[in-house]
């Protein structure tokens, strides 16, 4: 965020085009999240707090009623990603006790920037902790995109891979294509190529083939929300990967900052699952591939039960899903 303008990568154009867009209004912020110009739980949280601060700055006389209305508009854009609610609640907690309009504007901007900076540091620490799990020569599998594009920097699932690569470990990454929007093929492969990390894109339904052949040493994905019992919601298809990995004795790790853990959500059954436009399934890059007259179902996420998860990598360390209560919710950063 420069001045009162938000700058971001237009992710829907990658990898064909690298384009930086400017976002100057609440409508543009909400649209950027709902249309997945901005996607990935921590990145959505960052855009949410910057969008809230921007909208407050643009108000003539900000007050509680106006600010809550903006918060509600932003909150509804992507209901599954908990970082959005977490970030908005963080900024709201800093400004609602203030009455001076100029102070509200300043605090909103400062707290939004503090939140985003802490989010980037949390992802760096996830990489440091996650690197301890990776051995030289490991072959890893990931689903969807949980790299720097999905966060502010470093990524979540890709952060340990980046650190391992920087530390000289020779790793290979199986990249699930991630239908229907192809975030793996389009975004994760793009990031790994930029980092010089050896990888290959595979069809979503090829993951079990490589697991059964003993070619996958570990699965690492990100998540959009972690329930208090350790269940996780992530991009549709993650549940299948975790079950097949479990069947083949392959560890499954979820990389997530504490801002993604919803301690008020008891289990995965309580996580709202976003349903997206059926045309994302029926079309590929705007070209109809399904029979005319056919309809589609398009849940954006599924829930992986905690029993299939080996550990959750956070900025405070690696926890068994059943140990989340041990996490210091105050955290060691501004967003905990």
C-alpha atoms as a PDB file:
ATOM      1  CA  UNK A   1       0.000   0.000   0.000  1.00  0.00           C
ATOM      2  CA  UNK A   2       1.515   3.290  -1.162  1.00  0.00           C
ATOM      3  CA  UNK A   3      -0.232   6.418   0.056  1.00  0.00           C
ATOM      4  CA  UNK A   4      -3.863   5.388  -0.088  1.00  0.00           C
ATOM      5  CA  UNK A   5      -3.506   3.152  -3.137  1.00  0.00           C
ATOM      6  CA  UNK A   6      -3.188  -0.619  -2.925  1.00  0.00           C
ATOM      7  CA  UNK A   7      -0.922  -2.302  -5.456  1.00  0.00           C
ATOM      8  CA  UNK A   8      -1.194  -6.013  -6.180  1.00  0.00           C
ATOM      9  CA  UNK A   9      -0.416  -8.713  -8.728  1.00  0.00           C
ATOM     10  CA  UNK A  10      -3.382  -9.635 -10.928  1.00  0.00           C
ATOM     11  CA  UNK A  11      -3.176 -13.375 -10.289  1.00  0.00           C
ATOM     12  CA  UNK A  12      -5.806 -14.369 -12.846  1.00  0.00           C
ATOM     13  CA  UNK A  13      -3.406 -13.344 -15.622  1.00  0.00           C
ATOM     14  CA  UNK A  14      -0.492 -15.508 -14.463  1.00  0.00           C
ATOM     15  CA  UNK A  15       1.589 -17.157 -15.792  1.00  0.00           C
ATOM     16  CA  UNK A  16       0.975 -15.643 -19.223  1.00  0.00           C
ATOM     17  CA  UNK A  17       1.193 -12.041 -18.024  1.00  0.00           C
ATOM     18  CA  UNK A  18       2.689 -10.407 -14.929  1.00  0.00           C
ATOM     19  CA  UNK A  19       0.548  -7.363 -14.251  1.00  0.00           C
ATOM     20  CA  UNK A  20       0.471  -4.999 -11.283  1.00  0.00           C
ATOM     21  CA  UNK A  21      -2.916  -3.381 -10.683  1.00  0.00           C
ATOM     22  CA  UNK A  22      -3.920  -0.429  -8.530  1.00  0.00           C
ATOM     23  CA  UNK A  23      -6.956  -0.597  -6.268  1.00  0.00           C
ATOM     24  CA  UNK A  24      -8.500   2.676  -5.137  1.00  0.00           C
ATOM     25  CA  UNK A  25     -11.990   1.907  -3.856  1.00  0.00           C
ATOM     26  CA  UNK A  26     -13.945  -0.427  -1.578  1.00  0.00           C
ATOM     27  CA  UNK A  27     -15.755  -1.837  -4.605  1.00  0.00           C
ATOM     28  CA  UNK A  28     -12.429  -2.681  -6.250  1.00  0.00           C
ATOM     29  CA  UNK A  29     -11.112  -4.301  -3.070  1.00  0.00           C
ATOM     30  CA  UNK A  30     -14.207  -6.495  -2.694  1.00  0.00           C
ATOM     31  CA  UNK A  31     -14.135  -7.405  -6.380  1.00  0.00           C
ATOM     32  CA  UNK A  32     -10.431  -8.302  -6.264  1.00  0.00           C
ATOM     33  CA  UNK A  33     -11.120 -10.822  -3.502  1.00  0.00           C
ATOM     34  CA  UNK A  34     -14.366 -12.311  -4.824  1.00  0.00           C
ATOM     35  CA  UNK A  35     -13.008 -12.742  -8.374  1.00  0.00           C
ATOM     36  CA  UNK A  36      -9.728 -14.215  -7.079  1.00  0.00           C
ATOM     37  CA  UNK A  37      -7.496 -11.477  -8.423  1.00  0.00           C
ATOM     38  CA  UNK A  38      -6.284 -11.813  -4.827  1.00  0.00           C
ATOM     39  CA  UNK A  39      -6.482 -15.327  -3.379  1.00  0.00           C
ATOM     40  CA  UNK A  40      -4.888 -17.411  -0.654  1.00  0.00           C
ATOM     41  CA  UNK A  41      -5.974 -16.985   2.961  1.00  0.00           C
ATOM     42  CA  UNK A  42      -3.142 -14.723   4.253  1.00  0.00           C
ATOM     43  CA  UNK A  43      -3.227 -12.601   1.074  1.00  0.00           C
ATOM     44  CA  UNK A  44      -6.992 -12.196   1.426  1.00  0.00           C
ATOM     45  CA  UNK A  45      -6.454 -11.138   5.035  1.00  0.00           C
ATOM     46  CA  UNK A  46      -3.863  -8.580   3.941  1.00  0.00           C
ATOM     47  CA  UNK A  47      -6.097  -7.179   1.211  1.00  0.00           C
ATOM     48  CA  UNK A  48      -8.971  -7.051   3.693  1.00  0.00           C
ATOM     49  CA  UNK A  49      -7.099  -4.946   6.251  1.00  0.00           C
ATOM     50  CA  UNK A  50      -5.654  -2.633   3.601  1.00  0.00           C
ATOM     51  CA  UNK A  51      -9.118  -2.310   2.065  1.00  0.00           C
ATOM     52  CA  UNK A  52     -10.642  -1.434   5.422  1.00  0.00           C
ATOM     53  CA  UNK A  53      -7.925   1.160   6.097  1.00  0.00           C
ATOM     54  CA  UNK A  54      -8.355   2.614   2.610  1.00  0.00           C
ATOM     55  CA  UNK A  55     -12.131   2.898   2.980  1.00  0.00           C
ATOM     56  CA  UNK A  56     -11.767   4.591   6.367  1.00  0.00           C
ATOM     57  CA  UNK A  57      -9.276   7.060   4.899  1.00  0.00           C
ATOM     58  CA  UNK A  58     -11.788   7.913   2.156  1.00  0.00           C
ATOM     59  CA  UNK A  59     -14.581   8.633   4.655  1.00  0.00           C
ATOM     60  CA  UNK A  60     -15.367  12.255   5.430  1.00  0.00           C
ATOM     61  CA  UNK A  61     -16.020  11.536   9.113  1.00  0.00           C
ATOM     62  CA  UNK A  62     -15.441   7.891   9.970  1.00  0.00           C
ATOM     63  CA  UNK A  63     -17.643   6.496  12.719  1.00  0.00           C
ATOM     64  CA  UNK A  64     -18.509   3.076  14.081  1.00  0.00           C
ATOM     65  CA  UNK A  65     -21.607   2.602  11.924  1.00  0.00           C
ATOM     66  CA  UNK A  66     -19.785   3.398   8.682  1.00  0.00           C
ATOM     67  CA  UNK A  67     -16.774   1.277   9.590  1.00  0.00           C
ATOM     68  CA  UNK A  68     -18.859  -1.779  10.520  1.00  0.00           C
ATOM     69  CA  UNK A  69     -20.702  -1.521   7.201  1.00  0.00           C
ATOM     70  CA  UNK A  70     -17.381  -1.640   5.336  1.00  0.00           C
ATOM     71  CA  UNK A  71     -16.183  -4.532   7.486  1.00  0.00           C
ATOM     72  CA  UNK A  72     -19.330  -6.507   6.649  1.00  0.00           C
ATOM     73  CA  UNK A  73     -18.946  -5.905   2.906  1.00  0.00           C
ATOM     74  CA  UNK A  74     -15.387  -7.198   2.971  1.00  0.00           C
ATOM     75  CA  UNK A  75     -16.187 -10.134   5.247  1.00  0.00           C
ATOM     76  CA  UNK A  76     -18.737 -11.543   2.798  1.00  0.00           C
ATOM     77  CA  UNK A  77     -16.345 -11.729  -0.160  1.00  0.00           C
ATOM     78  CA  UNK A  78     -14.741 -15.115   0.729  1.00  0.00           C
ATOM     79  CA  UNK A  79     -16.425 -16.816   3.696  1.00  0.00           C
ATOM     80  CA  UNK A  80     -14.104 -19.830   4.111  1.00  0.00           C
ATOM     81  CA  UNK A  81     -10.774 -18.013   4.540  1.00  0.00           C
ATOM     82  CA  UNK A  82     -10.452 -17.211   8.253  1.00  0.00           C
ATOM     83  CA  UNK A  83      -7.541 -14.776   7.848  1.00  0.00           C
ATOM     84  CA  UNK A  84      -9.989 -12.276   6.386  1.00  0.00           C
ATOM     85  CA  UNK A  85     -12.126 -12.241   9.531  1.00  0.00           C
ATOM     86  CA  UNK A  86      -9.044 -12.376  11.747  1.00  0.00           C
ATOM     87  CA  UNK A  87      -7.438  -9.381  10.045  1.00  0.00           C
ATOM     88  CA  UNK A  88     -10.602  -7.289   9.996  1.00  0.00           C
ATOM     89  CA  UNK A  89     -11.219  -8.046  13.677  1.00  0.00           C
ATOM     90  CA  UNK A  90      -7.626  -7.035  14.465  1.00  0.00           C
ATOM     91  CA  UNK A  91      -7.952  -3.600  12.856  1.00  0.00           C
ATOM     92  CA  UNK A  92     -11.437  -3.081  14.285  1.00  0.00           C
ATOM     93  CA  UNK A  93     -10.122  -3.788  17.788  1.00  0.00           C
ATOM     94  CA  UNK A  94      -7.604  -0.976  17.393  1.00  0.00           C
ATOM     95  CA  UNK A  95      -9.981   1.728  16.193  1.00  0.00           C
ATOM     96  CA  UNK A  96     -13.427   1.260  17.761  1.00  0.00           C
ATOM     97  CA  UNK A  97     -12.408   2.799  21.072  1.00  0.00           C
ATOM     98  CA  UNK A  98     -11.219   5.951  19.264  1.00  0.00           C
ATOM     99  CA  UNK A  99     -13.542   8.866  18.467  1.00  0.00           C
ATOM    100  CA  UNK A 100     -11.306  11.408  16.746  1.00  0.00           C
ATOM    101  CA  UNK A 101     -11.702  10.975  12.941  1.00  0.00           C
ATOM    102  CA  UNK A 102      -8.081  11.805  12.144  1.00  0.00           C
ATOM    103  CA  UNK A 103      -6.841   9.395  14.806  1.00  0.00           C
ATOM    104  CA  UNK A 104      -9.119   6.659  13.460  1.00  0.00           C
ATOM    105  CA  UNK A 105      -7.660   7.074   9.976  1.00  0.00           C
ATOM    106  CA  UNK A 106      -4.085   6.991  11.260  1.00  0.00           C
ATOM    107  CA  UNK A 107      -4.630   3.994  13.546  1.00  0.00           C
ATOM    108  CA  UNK A 108      -6.436   2.065  10.813  1.00  0.00           C
ATOM    109  CA  UNK A 109      -3.553   2.494   8.418  1.00  0.00           C
ATOM    110  CA  UNK A 110      -0.848   1.785  11.009  1.00  0.00           C
ATOM    111  CA  UNK A 111      -2.587  -1.319  12.365  1.00  0.00           C
ATOM    112  CA  UNK A 112      -3.239  -2.653   8.863  1.00  0.00           C
ATOM    113  CA  UNK A 113       0.448  -2.277   7.991  1.00  0.00           C
ATOM    114  CA  UNK A 114       1.478  -3.869  11.281  1.00  0.00           C
ATOM    115  CA  UNK A 115      -0.816  -6.822  10.596  1.00  0.00           C
ATOM    116  CA  UNK A 116       0.579  -7.340   7.095  1.00  0.00           C
ATOM    117  CA  UNK A 117       4.216  -7.080   8.230  1.00  0.00           C
ATOM    118  CA  UNK A 118       3.589  -9.615  10.997  1.00  0.00           C
ATOM    119  CA  UNK A 119       1.899 -11.950   8.508  1.00  0.00           C
ATOM    120  CA  UNK A 120       4.983 -11.936   6.290  1.00  0.00           C
ATOM    121  CA  UNK A 121       7.230 -12.683   9.275  1.00  0.00           C
ATOM    122  CA  UNK A 122       4.950 -15.532  10.365  1.00  0.00           C
ATOM    123  CA  UNK A 123       5.305 -17.136   6.940  1.00  0.00           C
ATOM    124  CA  UNK A 124       9.092 -16.818   7.099  1.00  0.00           C
ATOM    125  CA  UNK A 125       9.108 -18.638  10.426  1.00  0.00           C
ATOM    126  CA  UNK A 126       6.859 -21.353   8.998  1.00  0.00           C
ATOM    127  CA  UNK A 127       9.556 -21.915   6.406  1.00  0.00           C
ATOM    128  CA  UNK A 128      12.277 -22.197   9.040  1.00  0.00           C
ATOM    129  CA  UNK A 129      10.321 -24.731  11.100  1.00  0.00           C
ATOM    130  CA  UNK A 130       9.114 -26.643   8.054  1.00  0.00           C
ATOM    131  CA  UNK A 131      12.632 -26.943   6.657  1.00  0.00           C
ATOM    132  CA  UNK A 132      13.548 -29.162   9.631  1.00  0.00           C
ATOM    133  CA  UNK A 133      11.148 -31.791   8.277  1.00  0.00           C
ATOM    134  CA  UNK A 134      12.670 -31.896   4.798  1.00  0.00           C
ATOM    135  CA  UNK A 135      15.657 -34.090   4.010  1.00  0.00           C
ATOM    136  CA  UNK A 136      18.038 -33.755   1.107  1.00  0.00           C
ATOM    137  CA  UNK A 137      16.597 -35.687  -1.824  1.00  0.00           C
ATOM    138  CA  UNK A 138      12.984 -35.576  -0.621  1.00  0.00           C
ATOM    139  CA  UNK A 139      10.118 -35.603  -3.083  1.00  0.00           C
ATOM    140  CA  UNK A 140       7.221 -33.472  -1.916  1.00  0.00           C
ATOM    141  CA  UNK A 141       3.661 -33.096  -3.136  1.00  0.00           C
ATOM    142  CA  UNK A 142       1.551 -29.978  -2.779  1.00  0.00           C
ATOM    143  CA  UNK A 143      -1.981 -29.029  -3.768  1.00  0.00           C
ATOM    144  CA  UNK A 144      -3.277 -25.657  -4.978  1.00  0.00           C
ATOM    145  CA  UNK A 145      -1.071 -22.600  -4.416  1.00  0.00           C
ATOM    146  CA  UNK A 146       0.259 -21.704  -0.990  1.00  0.00           C
ATOM    147  CA  UNK A 147       3.284 -19.717  -2.037  1.00  0.00           C
ATOM    148  CA  UNK A 148       4.154 -16.037  -1.896  1.00  0.00           C
ATOM    149  CA  UNK A 149       1.265 -15.264  -4.236  1.00  0.00           C
ATOM    150  CA  UNK A 150      -1.151 -16.625  -1.636  1.00  0.00           C
ATOM    151  CA  UNK A 151       0.387 -14.638   1.208  1.00  0.00           C
ATOM    152  CA  UNK A 152       2.336 -11.411   1.610  1.00  0.00           C
ATOM    153  CA  UNK A 153       5.713 -13.072   1.155  1.00  0.00           C
ATOM    154  CA  UNK A 154       7.398 -16.504   1.462  1.00  0.00           C
ATOM    155  CA  UNK A 155       4.156 -18.499   1.360  1.00  0.00           C
ATOM    156  CA  UNK A 156       2.932 -21.165   3.754  1.00  0.00           C
ATOM    157  CA  UNK A 157       3.335 -24.615   2.151  1.00  0.00           C
ATOM    158  CA  UNK A 158       5.997 -23.316  -0.226  1.00  0.00           C
ATOM    159  CA  UNK A 159       7.924 -21.471   2.483  1.00  0.00           C
ATOM    160  CA  UNK A 160       9.629 -24.656   3.833  1.00  0.00           C
ATOM    161  CA  UNK A 161      10.463 -25.624   0.252  1.00  0.00           C
ATOM    162  CA  UNK A 162      12.043 -22.231  -0.408  1.00  0.00           C
ATOM    163  CA  UNK A 163      14.124 -22.416   2.774  1.00  0.00           C
ATOM    164  CA  UNK A 164      15.167 -26.014   2.061  1.00  0.00           C
ATOM    165  CA  UNK A 165      16.258 -25.004  -1.429  1.00  0.00           C
ATOM    166  CA  UNK A 166      18.157 -21.984  -0.088  1.00  0.00           C
ATOM    167  CA  UNK A 167      19.911 -24.324   2.359  1.00  0.00           C
ATOM    168  CA  UNK A 168      21.180 -26.454  -0.512  1.00  0.00           C
ATOM    169  CA  UNK A 169      18.784 -29.383  -0.207  1.00  0.00           C
ATOM    170  CA  UNK A 170      18.001 -31.121  -3.474  1.00  0.00           C
ATOM    171  CA  UNK A 171      14.218 -31.473  -3.486  1.00  0.00           C
ATOM    172  CA  UNK A 172      11.579 -32.267  -6.084  1.00  0.00           C
ATOM    173  CA  UNK A 173       7.963 -31.085  -5.949  1.00  0.00           C
ATOM    174  CA  UNK A 174       4.935 -32.795  -7.481  1.00  0.00           C
ATOM    175  CA  UNK A 175       2.522 -29.954  -8.271  1.00  0.00           C
ATOM    176  CA  UNK A 176      -1.141 -30.942  -8.457  1.00  0.00           C
ATOM    177  CA  UNK A 177      -2.776 -28.999 -11.307  1.00  0.00           C
ATOM    178  CA  UNK A 178      -5.715 -28.173  -8.974  1.00  0.00           C
ATOM    179  CA  UNK A 179      -8.886 -28.143 -11.015  1.00  0.00           C
ATOM    180  CA  UNK A 180     -11.041 -26.288 -11.718  1.00  0.00           C
ATOM    181  CA  UNK A 181      -9.039 -23.019 -11.576  1.00  0.00           C
ATOM    182  CA  UNK A 182      -5.609 -24.643 -12.034  1.00  0.00           C
ATOM    183  CA  UNK A 183      -3.847 -22.721  -9.263  1.00  0.00           C
ATOM    184  CA  UNK A 184      -1.194 -25.425  -9.069  1.00  0.00           C
ATOM    185  CA  UNK A 185      -0.373 -25.468 -12.762  1.00  0.00           C
ATOM    186  CA  UNK A 186      -0.659 -21.710 -13.184  1.00  0.00           C
ATOM    187  CA  UNK A 187       0.685 -20.305  -9.909  1.00  0.00           C
ATOM    188  CA  UNK A 188       2.637 -22.881  -7.887  1.00  0.00           C
ATOM    189  CA  UNK A 189       4.584 -24.072 -10.920  1.00  0.00           C
ATOM    190  CA  UNK A 190       5.274 -20.414 -11.805  1.00  0.00           C
ATOM    191  CA  UNK A 191       6.664 -19.716  -8.334  1.00  0.00           C
ATOM    192  CA  UNK A 192       8.801 -22.857  -8.195  1.00  0.00           C
ATOM    193  CA  UNK A 193      10.202 -22.100 -11.644  1.00  0.00           C
ATOM    194  CA  UNK A 194      11.095 -18.563 -10.528  1.00  0.00           C
ATOM    195  CA  UNK A 195      12.899 -20.032  -7.484  1.00  0.00           C
ATOM    196  CA  UNK A 196      14.728 -22.678  -9.512  1.00  0.00           C
ATOM    197  CA  UNK A 197      13.135 -25.547  -7.553  1.00  0.00           C
ATOM    198  CA  UNK A 198      12.857 -28.799  -9.490  1.00  0.00           C
ATOM    199  CA  UNK A 199       9.197 -29.715 -10.022  1.00  0.00           C
ATOM    200  CA  UNK A 200       6.602 -31.219 -12.335  1.00  0.00           C
ATOM    201  CA  UNK A 201       2.911 -30.514 -12.771  1.00  0.00           C
ATOM    202  CA  UNK A 202       0.714 -33.598 -12.491  1.00  0.00           C
ATOM    203  CA  UNK A 203      -2.989 -34.171 -13.054  1.00  0.00           C
ATOM    204  CA  UNK A 204      -4.938 -34.107  -9.795  1.00  0.00           C
ATOM    205  CA  UNK A 205      -5.890 -37.766 -10.163  1.00  0.00           C
ATOM    206  CA  UNK A 206      -2.261 -38.830 -10.714  1.00  0.00           C
ATOM    207  CA  UNK A 207      -1.170 -38.124  -7.128  1.00  0.00           C
ATOM    208  CA  UNK A 208      -2.202 -41.569  -5.886  1.00  0.00           C
ATOM    209  CA  UNK A 209      -0.213 -43.199  -8.669  1.00  0.00           C
ATOM    210  CA  UNK A 210       3.025 -41.607  -7.497  1.00  0.00           C
ATOM    211  CA  UNK A 211       2.237 -42.212  -3.835  1.00  0.00           C
ATOM    212  CA  UNK A 212       1.615 -45.928  -4.438  1.00  0.00           C
ATOM    213  CA  UNK A 213       4.948 -46.188  -6.270  1.00  0.00           C
ATOM    214  CA  UNK A 214       6.777 -44.786  -3.249  1.00  0.00           C
ATOM    215  CA  UNK A 215       7.813 -41.615  -5.063  1.00  0.00           C
ATOM    216  CA  UNK A 216       6.289 -39.136  -2.597  1.00  0.00           C
ATOM    217  CA  UNK A 217       8.022 -38.620   0.754  1.00  0.00           C
ATOM    218  CA  UNK A 218       5.763 -35.929   2.185  1.00  0.00           C
ATOM    219  CA  UNK A 219       2.638 -33.907   1.427  1.00  0.00           C
ATOM    220  CA  UNK A 220       2.634 -30.227   2.406  1.00  0.00           C
ATOM    221  CA  UNK A 221      -0.335 -27.968   1.725  1.00  0.00           C
ATOM    222  CA  UNK A 222      -1.656 -24.707   3.024  1.00  0.00           C
ATOM    223  CA  UNK A 223      -5.127 -24.164   4.452  1.00  0.00           C
ATOM    224  CA  UNK A 224      -7.841 -21.539   4.480  1.00  0.00           C
ATOM    225  CA  UNK A 225      -9.113 -22.338   7.964  1.00  0.00           C
ATOM    226  CA  UNK A 226      -8.099 -24.665  10.790  1.00  0.00           C
ATOM    227  CA  UNK A 227     -10.778 -25.672  13.288  1.00  0.00           C
ATOM    228  CA  UNK A 228     -10.006 -25.913  17.004  1.00  0.00           C
ATOM    229  CA  UNK A 229      -9.882 -29.726  16.842  1.00  0.00           C
ATOM    230  CA  UNK A 230      -7.305 -29.709  14.027  1.00  0.00           C
ATOM    231  CA  UNK A 231      -9.617 -30.312  11.067  1.00  0.00           C
ATOM    232  CA  UNK A 232      -8.581 -28.170   8.101  1.00  0.00           C
ATOM    233  CA  UNK A 233     -10.375 -26.656   5.128  1.00  0.00           C
ATOM    234  CA  UNK A 234      -8.295 -26.307   2.001  1.00  0.00           C
ATOM    235  CA  UNK A 235      -8.764 -26.263  -1.753  1.00  0.00           C
ATOM    236  CA  UNK A 236     -11.097 -28.961  -3.022  1.00  0.00           C
ATOM    237  CA  UNK A 237      -9.152 -32.199  -3.493  1.00  0.00           C
ATOM    238  CA  UNK A 238      -6.969 -31.868  -0.406  1.00  0.00           C
ATOM    239  CA  UNK A 239      -9.086 -34.383   1.520  1.00  0.00           C
ATOM    240  CA  UNK A 240      -8.532 -37.007  -1.174  1.00  0.00           C
ATOM    241  CA  UNK A 241      -4.774 -36.431  -1.149  1.00  0.00           C
ATOM    242  CA  UNK A 242      -4.637 -36.774   2.635  1.00  0.00           C
ATOM    243  CA  UNK A 243      -6.619 -40.031   2.663  1.00  0.00           C
ATOM    244  CA  UNK A 244      -4.461 -41.595  -0.069  1.00  0.00           C
ATOM    245  CA  UNK A 245      -1.289 -40.391   1.649  1.00  0.00           C
ATOM    246  CA  UNK A 246      -2.476 -41.931   4.921  1.00  0.00           C
ATOM    247  CA  UNK A 247      -3.174 -45.219   3.136  1.00  0.00           C
ATOM    248  CA  UNK A 248       0.393 -45.208   1.805  1.00  0.00           C
ATOM    249  CA  UNK A 249       2.087 -44.192   5.061  1.00  0.00           C
ATOM    250  CA  UNK A 250       3.068 -40.745   3.801  1.00  0.00           C
ATOM    251  CA  UNK A 251       3.102 -37.853   6.319  1.00  0.00           C
ATOM    252  CA  UNK A 252       0.777 -34.924   5.635  1.00  0.00           C
ATOM    253  CA  UNK A 253       1.703 -31.486   6.971  1.00  0.00           C
ATOM    254  CA  UNK A 254      -0.422 -28.353   6.879  1.00  0.00           C
ATOM    255  CA  UNK A 255       1.414 -25.024   6.849  1.00  0.00           C
ATOM    256  CA  UNK A 256      -0.600 -22.250   8.460  1.00  0.00           C
ATOM    257  CA  UNK A 257       0.026 -19.058  10.396  1.00  0.00           C
ATOM    258  CA  UNK A 258      -1.866 -18.849  13.683  1.00  0.00           C
ATOM    259  CA  UNK A 259      -4.105 -16.240  12.053  1.00  0.00           C
ATOM    260  CA  UNK A 260      -5.614 -19.106  10.022  1.00  0.00           C
ATOM    261  CA  UNK A 261      -6.609 -21.096  13.125  1.00  0.00           C
ATOM    262  CA  UNK A 262     -10.176 -20.387  14.192  1.00  0.00           C
ATOM    263  CA  UNK A 263     -10.266 -21.299  17.869  1.00  0.00           C
ATOM    264  CA  UNK A 264     -13.984 -20.411  17.950  1.00  0.00           C
ATOM    265  CA  UNK A 265     -14.782 -23.076  15.334  1.00  0.00           C
ATOM    266  CA  UNK A 266     -15.096 -26.470  17.105  1.00  0.00           C
ATOM    267  CA  UNK A 267     -14.696 -28.843  14.115  1.00  0.00           C
ATOM    268  CA  UNK A 268     -14.455 -28.893  10.363  1.00  0.00           C
ATOM    269  CA  UNK A 269     -18.195 -29.435  10.183  1.00  0.00           C
ATOM    270  CA  UNK A 270     -18.598 -25.833  11.352  1.00  0.00           C
ATOM    271  CA  UNK A 271     -16.467 -24.307   8.580  1.00  0.00           C
ATOM    272  CA  UNK A 272     -18.528 -22.578   5.866  1.00  0.00           C
ATOM    273  CA  UNK A 273     -17.681 -23.962   2.422  1.00  0.00           C
ATOM    274  CA  UNK A 274     -17.817 -21.534  -0.467  1.00  0.00           C
ATOM    275  CA  UNK A 275     -19.715 -22.653  -3.591  1.00  0.00           C
ATOM    276  CA  UNK A 276     -18.430 -20.961  -6.745  1.00  0.00           C
ATOM    277  CA  UNK A 277     -19.822 -20.441 -10.233  1.00  0.00           C
ATOM    278  CA  UNK A 278     -20.474 -23.701 -12.107  1.00  0.00           C
ATOM    279  CA  UNK A 279     -18.811 -22.284 -15.221  1.00  0.00           C
ATOM    280  CA  UNK A 280     -15.424 -22.688 -13.542  1.00  0.00           C
ATOM    281  CA  UNK A 281     -15.998 -26.438 -13.954  1.00  0.00           C
ATOM    282  CA  UNK A 282     -17.879 -26.408 -17.259  1.00  0.00           C
ATOM    283  CA  UNK A 283     -15.349 -24.126 -19.000  1.00  0.00           C
ATOM    284  CA  UNK A 284     -11.556 -24.049 -19.242  1.00  0.00           C
ATOM    285  CA  UNK A 285     -10.129 -20.586 -19.937  1.00  0.00           C
ATOM    286  CA  UNK A 286     -13.511 -19.506 -21.260  1.00  0.00           C
ATOM    287  CA  UNK A 287     -13.885 -22.485 -23.613  1.00  0.00           C
ATOM    288  CA  UNK A 288     -16.826 -24.813 -22.950  1.00  0.00           C
ATOM    289  CA  UNK A 289     -15.606 -28.395 -22.403  1.00  0.00           C
ATOM    290  CA  UNK A 290     -18.754 -29.948 -20.942  1.00  0.00           C
ATOM    291  CA  UNK A 291     -21.877 -30.893 -22.830  1.00  0.00           C
ATOM    292  CA  UNK A 292     -24.259 -28.015 -23.471  1.00  0.00           C
ATOM    293  CA  UNK A 293     -27.183 -28.371 -21.095  1.00  0.00           C
ATOM    294  CA  UNK A 294     -25.110 -30.034 -18.390  1.00  0.00           C
ATOM    295  CA  UNK A 295     -24.796 -28.377 -15.004  1.00  0.00           C
ATOM    296  CA  UNK A 296     -21.945 -28.578 -12.490  1.00  0.00           C
ATOM    297  CA  UNK A 297     -21.335 -28.497  -8.749  1.00  0.00           C
ATOM    298  CA  UNK A 298     -18.371 -26.432  -7.646  1.00  0.00           C
ATOM    299  CA  UNK A 299     -17.429 -26.471  -3.946  1.00  0.00           C
ATOM    300  CA  UNK A 300     -14.235 -24.459  -3.606  1.00  0.00           C
ATOM    301  CA  UNK A 301     -12.949 -26.294  -0.513  1.00  0.00           C
ATOM    302  CA  UNK A 302     -13.171 -29.572   1.351  1.00  0.00           C
ATOM    303  CA  UNK A 303     -12.399 -30.495   4.954  1.00  0.00           C
ATOM    304  CA  UNK A 304      -9.629 -32.914   5.915  1.00  0.00           C
ATOM    305  CA  UNK A 305     -10.225 -34.519   9.338  1.00  0.00           C
ATOM    306  CA  UNK A 306      -7.421 -34.127  11.864  1.00  0.00           C
ATOM    307  CA  UNK A 307      -6.804 -37.893  11.935  1.00  0.00           C
ATOM    308  CA  UNK A 308      -5.211 -37.687   8.480  1.00  0.00           C
ATOM    309  CA  UNK A 309      -2.865 -34.824   9.397  1.00  0.00           C
ATOM    310  CA  UNK A 310       0.599 -35.500  10.782  1.00  0.00           C
ATOM    311  CA  UNK A 311       1.300 -31.975  11.937  1.00  0.00           C
ATOM    312  CA  UNK A 312       0.494 -28.297  11.506  1.00  0.00           C
ATOM    313  CA  UNK A 313       3.468 -26.030  10.841  1.00  0.00           C
ATOM    314  CA  UNK A 314       3.028 -22.592  12.426  1.00  0.00           C
ATOM    315  CA  UNK A 315       5.264 -19.652  13.293  1.00  0.00           C
ATOM    316  CA  UNK A 316       5.411 -21.035  16.856  1.00  0.00           C
ATOM    317  CA  UNK A 317       6.530 -24.500  15.786  1.00  0.00           C
ATOM    318  CA  UNK A 318       5.044 -27.769  14.582  1.00  0.00           C
ATOM    319  CA  UNK A 319       1.990 -29.098  16.418  1.00  0.00           C
ATOM    320  CA  UNK A 320       0.022 -32.288  16.334  1.00  0.00           C
ATOM    321  CA  UNK A 321      -3.557 -31.378  15.327  1.00  0.00           C
ATOM    322  CA  UNK A 322      -4.750 -32.393  18.776  1.00  0.00           C
ATOM    323  CA  UNK A 323      -2.288 -30.024  20.446  1.00  0.00           C
ATOM    324  CA  UNK A 324      -3.560 -26.719  19.079  1.00  0.00           C
ATOM    325  CA  UNK A 325      -4.708 -25.671  22.532  1.00  0.00           C
ATOM    326  CA  UNK A 326      -1.020 -25.425  23.433  1.00  0.00           C
ATOM    327  CA  UNK A 327      -0.570 -22.562  20.978  1.00  0.00           C
ATOM    328  CA  UNK A 328      -0.172 -19.140  22.519  1.00  0.00           C
ATOM    329  CA  UNK A 329      -3.059 -17.290  20.923  1.00  0.00           C
ATOM    330  CA  UNK A 330      -1.400 -14.047  21.924  1.00  0.00           C
ATOM    331  CA  UNK A 331       1.387 -15.248  19.689  1.00  0.00           C
ATOM    332  CA  UNK A 332       4.874 -13.909  19.275  1.00  0.00           C
ATOM    333  CA  UNK A 333       3.730 -11.483  16.601  1.00  0.00           C
ATOM    334  CA  UNK A 334       1.113  -8.775  16.175  1.00  0.00           C
ATOM    335  CA  UNK A 335      -1.341 -11.111  14.449  1.00  0.00           C
ATOM    336  CA  UNK A 336      -1.426 -13.985  16.930  1.00  0.00           C
END
